[in-house]
Amino acid sequence: MLEKRVVVCLDVRDGKTTKGVKFQGNVDIGDPVAMAKKYYEEGTDELVFYDITASSEGRGIMIQVVEQVASQIFIPFSVGGGISSVQDMRRVILAGAEKVSVNSQGVKNPAIIEEGASLFGSQCIVLGMDVLADKDFPSGYRVVINGGRVPTQLDALEWALRAEALGAGEIVLNSIDTDGMKNGYELTITRRISEAVRIPVVASGGAGRPEHLAEVLTKGRADAALIASMVHFGDYTVPGIKAYLAGQGVPVRTDWGSGVR
């Protein structure tokens, strides 16, 4: 079995790392550059950087912050928020990102996924997808955009399959219902999409304990688990989480220390 990845997410607003619950009530919690360096040194496998208000404010991503973060880390680095063209993708990649994440703009203009994959390779193009449980959709989940503010008529599973066909090389699947709740990931849609697509799926939204990562990486069939609150607020450390996963038989890279806090 391939090693599972632990991915730390930095949601950034106005140049500061921020965190909320279900995309609401966000509070600033630190400097994204310093936090990125810390998580890199602790052994996170990848880092995700989201400029969470770029799309809703109709502006481009904060490229200087991307450059500063990229200068401090030497692991795969994915950037999203305000990516509306292949020119934006190029700027982000030149600023130091290995991957570019499209979410709202991918829904509004699916051709950007195909164009990006053609120019930069599928491995660079990540589909960010925010979903809400909705029994009126075939998969039971609806896609929402603009930071969870705007519902669409897209079924989550249908959109995942279409994005893969367009050339997306990875999916970051975030459940708004569980986001920031620390009660565990949304296993049903995570497993459904993971089993349907051939590209890696990163589970997002809901991690509160190491057990939640073990669950989504096994029962949920995810290839990676994204975490934020549980490390941002000091409840756990990246090495501690990885040591727990390894102890549960989940294959992870564990050469950066051990011991669950």
Protein backbone atom coordinates (compact mmCIF):
# COMPACT_ATOMS: atom_id res chain seq x y z
CA MET A 1 0.00 0.00 0.00
CA LEU A 2 1.26 3.49 -0.85
CA GLU A 3 2.13 5.79 2.03
CA LYS A 4 -0.72 8.00 3.14
CA ARG A 5 -0.06 11.72 3.41
CA VAL A 6 -0.70 14.17 6.22
CA VAL A 7 -1.35 17.63 4.78
CA VAL A 8 -1.49 20.83 6.82
CA CYS A 9 -3.80 23.58 5.59
CA LEU A 10 -3.27 27.29 6.07
CA ASP A 11 -6.39 29.34 5.36
CA VAL A 12 -5.18 32.90 4.84
CA ARG A 13 -7.16 36.13 5.05
CA ASP A 14 -5.58 39.59 4.79
CA GLY A 15 -2.13 38.05 5.11
CA LYS A 16 -2.90 36.15 8.33
CA THR A 17 -3.68 32.50 8.95
CA THR A 18 -7.30 32.23 10.05
CA LYS A 19 -9.65 29.47 11.20
CA GLY A 20 -13.40 29.21 11.58
CA VAL A 21 -16.19 26.67 11.84
CA LYS A 22 -18.19 25.79 8.72
CA PHE A 23 -16.51 28.78 6.99
CA GLN A 24 -17.86 31.22 9.59
CA GLY A 25 -16.61 33.04 12.68
CA ASN A 26 -13.01 33.12 11.50
CA VAL A 27 -10.33 34.36 13.87
CA ASP A 28 -6.74 35.20 12.98
CA ILE A 29 -4.27 32.79 14.56
CA GLY A 30 -0.82 33.58 13.20
CA ASP A 31 1.68 34.40 10.49
CA PRO A 32 1.39 31.93 7.58
CA VAL A 33 5.10 32.13 6.74
CA ALA A 34 6.24 31.25 10.26
CA MET A 35 3.57 28.55 10.57
CA ALA A 36 4.52 27.00 7.22
CA LYS A 37 8.16 26.78 8.29
CA LYS A 38 7.19 25.18 11.60
CA TYR A 39 5.03 22.51 9.99
CA TYR A 40 7.68 21.79 7.38
CA GLU A 41 10.28 21.27 10.09
CA GLU A 42 7.88 19.00 11.99
CA GLY A 43 7.50 16.74 8.96
CA THR A 44 4.19 17.49 7.28
CA ASP A 45 4.14 15.78 3.88
CA GLU A 46 2.54 18.68 2.06
CA LEU A 47 1.22 22.16 2.72
CA VAL A 48 -1.94 23.72 1.33
CA PHE A 49 -2.38 27.50 1.24
CA TYR A 50 -5.83 28.96 0.57
CA ASP A 51 -6.48 32.67 0.13
CA ILE A 52 -10.03 32.19 1.39
CA THR A 53 -11.53 35.54 0.41
CA ALA A 54 -9.86 36.08 -2.97
CA SER A 55 -12.74 34.60 -4.98
CA SER A 56 -15.55 36.26 -3.03
CA GLU A 57 -13.73 39.62 -3.18
CA GLY A 58 -13.02 39.23 -6.88
CA ARG A 59 -9.27 39.75 -6.58
CA GLY A 60 -6.09 37.84 -7.30
CA ILE A 61 -4.16 35.79 -4.81
CA MET A 62 -1.61 37.40 -2.45
CA ILE A 63 1.41 36.40 -4.49
CA GLN A 64 4.00 37.91 -2.12
CA VAL A 65 2.80 35.72 0.72
CA VAL A 66 2.99 32.67 -1.56
CA GLU A 67 6.59 33.56 -2.43
CA GLN A 68 7.49 34.01 1.24
CA VAL A 69 5.97 30.66 2.23
CA ALA A 70 7.63 28.85 -0.70
CA SER A 71 11.03 30.20 0.37
CA GLN A 72 10.72 28.48 3.76
CA ILE A 73 9.59 24.99 2.79
CA PHE A 74 10.89 22.16 0.59
CA ILE A 75 7.86 19.90 0.29
CA PRO A 76 4.93 19.88 -2.16
CA PHE A 77 3.02 23.15 -1.80
CA SER A 78 -0.49 23.68 -3.17
CA VAL A 79 -2.03 27.13 -3.54
CA GLY A 80 -5.64 28.12 -4.15
CA GLY A 81 -7.96 31.10 -4.01
CA GLY A 82 -8.52 33.68 -6.73
CA ILE A 83 -7.11 31.48 -9.51
CA SER A 84 -9.18 32.59 -12.50
CA SER A 85 -6.89 31.98 -15.49
CA VAL A 86 -3.90 29.99 -16.66
CA GLN A 87 -1.91 33.22 -16.28
CA ASP A 88 -2.78 33.16 -12.56
CA MET A 89 -1.68 29.53 -12.43
CA ARG A 90 1.65 30.44 -14.04
CA ARG A 91 2.24 33.26 -11.53
CA VAL A 92 1.58 30.93 -8.59
CA ILE A 93 3.85 28.18 -9.97
CA LEU A 94 6.62 30.72 -10.65
CA ALA A 95 6.17 31.96 -7.07
CA GLY A 96 7.12 28.49 -5.83
CA ALA A 97 3.99 26.34 -5.72
CA GLU A 98 4.07 22.79 -7.07
CA LYS A 99 0.28 22.59 -7.35
CA VAL A 100 -2.53 25.01 -8.14
CA SER A 101 -5.99 24.49 -6.69
CA VAL A 102 -9.13 25.66 -8.47
CA ASN A 103 -12.48 25.56 -6.76
CA SER A 104 -15.08 28.23 -7.57
CA GLN A 105 -13.46 29.16 -10.87
CA GLY A 106 -13.36 25.52 -11.91
CA VAL A 107 -17.13 25.36 -11.55
CA LYS A 108 -17.70 28.65 -13.34
CA ASN A 109 -15.20 27.88 -16.11
CA PRO A 110 -14.39 24.15 -16.31
CA ALA A 111 -12.10 24.77 -19.28
CA ILE A 112 -9.52 26.24 -16.88
CA ILE A 113 -8.88 22.72 -15.55
CA GLU A 114 -8.29 21.35 -19.04
CA GLU A 115 -6.13 24.32 -20.08
CA GLY A 116 -4.06 24.14 -16.89
CA ALA A 117 -3.50 20.41 -17.21
CA SER A 118 -2.45 20.83 -20.85
CA LEU A 119 0.04 23.60 -20.06
CA PHE A 120 1.46 22.48 -16.72
CA GLY A 121 0.55 18.80 -16.43
CA SER A 122 -2.25 17.11 -14.52
CA GLN A 123 0.00 16.68 -11.49
CA CYS A 124 -0.12 20.47 -11.01
CA ILE A 125 -3.90 20.84 -11.13
CA VAL A 126 -5.94 20.21 -7.99
CA LEU A 127 -9.72 20.38 -7.85
CA GLY A 128 -10.83 21.94 -4.58
CA MET A 129 -14.40 20.90 -3.87
CA ASP A 130 -16.67 22.06 -1.04
CA VAL A 131 -19.78 19.94 -0.51
CA LEU A 132 -22.93 19.98 1.58
CA ALA A 133 -25.16 17.00 2.33
CA ASP A 134 -28.31 17.30 0.22
CA LYS A 135 -30.65 14.36 -0.34
CA ASP A 136 -31.99 15.91 -3.54
CA PHE A 137 -28.74 15.07 -5.36
CA PRO A 138 -27.89 11.57 -6.66
CA SER A 139 -24.77 11.21 -4.51
CA GLY A 140 -26.45 12.87 -1.54
CA TYR A 141 -24.10 15.86 -1.72
CA ARG A 142 -24.22 19.24 -3.48
CA VAL A 143 -21.22 21.32 -4.60
CA VAL A 144 -21.04 24.86 -3.18
CA ILE A 145 -18.67 27.66 -4.19
CA ASN A 146 -17.35 31.05 -3.06
CA GLY A 147 -16.33 29.82 0.35
CA GLY A 148 -19.57 27.96 0.92
CA ARG A 149 -21.69 31.02 0.18
CA VAL A 150 -23.17 30.00 -3.17
CA PRO A 151 -24.94 26.66 -3.80
CA THR A 152 -24.71 25.09 -7.26
CA GLN A 153 -26.74 22.49 -9.09
CA LEU A 154 -23.72 20.20 -9.37
CA ASP A 155 -23.75 16.75 -7.82
CA ALA A 156 -20.52 16.11 -5.93
CA LEU A 157 -19.71 12.73 -7.48
CA GLU A 158 -20.64 13.86 -10.97
CA TRP A 159 -18.40 16.93 -10.67
CA ALA A 160 -15.47 14.88 -9.33
CA LEU A 161 -15.65 12.52 -12.31
CA ARG A 162 -15.97 15.37 -14.78
CA ALA A 163 -12.98 17.22 -13.29
CA GLU A 164 -10.89 14.07 -13.52
CA ALA A 165 -11.85 13.71 -17.19
CA LEU A 166 -10.87 17.35 -17.77
CA GLY A 167 -7.40 16.66 -16.40
CA ALA A 168 -7.40 17.35 -12.67
CA GLY A 169 -4.65 15.32 -11.01
CA GLU A 170 -5.98 15.42 -7.46
CA ILE A 171 -9.14 16.29 -5.53
CA VAL A 172 -9.29 18.01 -2.16
CA LEU A 173 -12.74 17.16 -0.87
CA ASN A 174 -14.01 19.39 1.92
CA SER A 175 -17.27 18.81 3.78
CA ILE A 176 -18.76 22.05 5.03
CA ASP A 177 -21.03 20.08 7.37
CA THR A 178 -18.01 18.83 9.32
CA ASP A 179 -15.55 21.70 8.70
CA GLY A 180 -13.98 22.90 11.94
CA MET A 181 -16.25 20.73 14.07
CA LYS A 182 -13.45 18.35 15.15
CA ASN A 183 -15.88 15.41 15.16
CA GLY A 184 -14.40 13.54 12.21
CA TYR A 185 -14.43 13.65 8.44
CA GLU A 186 -17.46 13.03 6.22
CA LEU A 187 -16.74 9.40 5.41
CA THR A 188 -19.65 8.63 3.09
CA ILE A 189 -18.89 11.04 0.25
CA THR A 190 -15.14 10.67 0.77
CA ARG A 191 -15.31 6.93 0.18
CA ARG A 192 -17.81 7.29 -2.66
CA ILE A 193 -15.55 9.67 -4.60
CA SER A 194 -12.30 7.87 -3.67
CA GLU A 195 -13.66 4.62 -5.08
CA ALA A 196 -15.01 6.28 -8.23
CA VAL A 197 -11.97 8.25 -9.41
CA ARG A 198 -8.47 7.11 -10.30
CA ILE A 199 -6.70 10.21 -8.98
CA PRO A 200 -5.74 10.88 -5.34
CA VAL A 201 -8.40 12.23 -2.98
CA VAL A 202 -7.46 14.39 0.00
CA ALA A 203 -10.08 14.38 2.76
CA SER A 204 -10.74 17.74 4.39
CA GLY A 205 -13.02 19.12 7.08
CA GLY A 206 -13.57 17.73 10.55
CA ALA A 207 -10.31 16.37 11.98
CA GLY A 208 -10.15 16.65 15.75
CA ARG A 209 -8.21 13.58 16.87
CA PRO A 210 -5.66 11.25 15.26
CA GLU A 211 -8.34 8.56 15.19
CA HIS A 212 -10.25 10.64 12.67
CA LEU A 213 -7.33 10.53 10.24
CA ALA A 214 -6.96 6.77 10.65
CA GLU A 215 -10.66 6.37 9.95
CA VAL A 216 -10.77 8.47 6.77
CA LEU A 217 -7.55 6.93 5.42
CA THR A 218 -8.93 3.41 5.85
CA LYS A 219 -12.74 3.38 5.89
CA GLY A 220 -12.96 6.54 3.80
CA ARG A 221 -10.36 5.27 1.31
CA ALA A 222 -8.72 8.72 1.11
CA ASP A 223 -5.14 8.99 -0.08
CA ALA A 224 -4.36 11.88 2.26
CA ALA A 225 -5.90 13.74 5.19
CA LEU A 226 -5.86 17.48 5.54
CA ILE A 227 -5.63 18.97 9.03
CA ALA A 228 -5.79 22.47 10.45
CA SER A 229 -7.36 23.21 13.86
CA MET A 230 -5.93 20.17 15.63
CA VAL A 231 -2.37 21.37 15.03
CA HIS A 232 -2.95 25.13 14.80
CA PHE A 233 -4.24 25.27 18.38
CA GLY A 234 -1.58 22.94 19.78
CA ASP A 235 -3.80 19.97 20.61
CA TYR A 236 -1.58 17.63 18.56
CA THR A 237 1.65 17.71 16.58
CA VAL A 238 2.37 16.40 13.09
CA PRO A 239 4.94 13.85 14.38
CA GLY A 240 2.52 12.70 17.04
CA ILE A 241 -0.29 12.19 14.55
CA LYS A 242 1.99 10.24 12.24
CA ALA A 243 3.22 8.05 15.09
CA TYR A 244 -0.38 7.23 15.96
CA LEU A 245 -1.21 6.35 12.35
CA ALA A 246 1.83 4.13 12.06
CA GLY A 247 0.81 2.38 15.26
CA GLN A 248 -2.58 1.68 13.71
CA GLY A 249 -0.99 0.08 10.67
CA VAL A 250 -1.57 3.06 8.36
CA PRO A 251 1.54 3.46 6.17
CA VAL A 252 2.96 6.95 6.63
CA ARG A 253 6.36 8.62 6.46
CA THR A 254 7.60 8.69 10.06
CA ASP A 255 11.18 9.87 9.93
CA TRP A 256 10.47 13.16 11.66
CA GLY A 257 9.90 12.11 15.25
CA SER A 258 7.19 10.41 17.28
CA GLY A 259 4.93 10.63 20.29
CA VAL A 260 1.26 11.65 20.39
CA ARG A 261 0.55 14.69 22.50
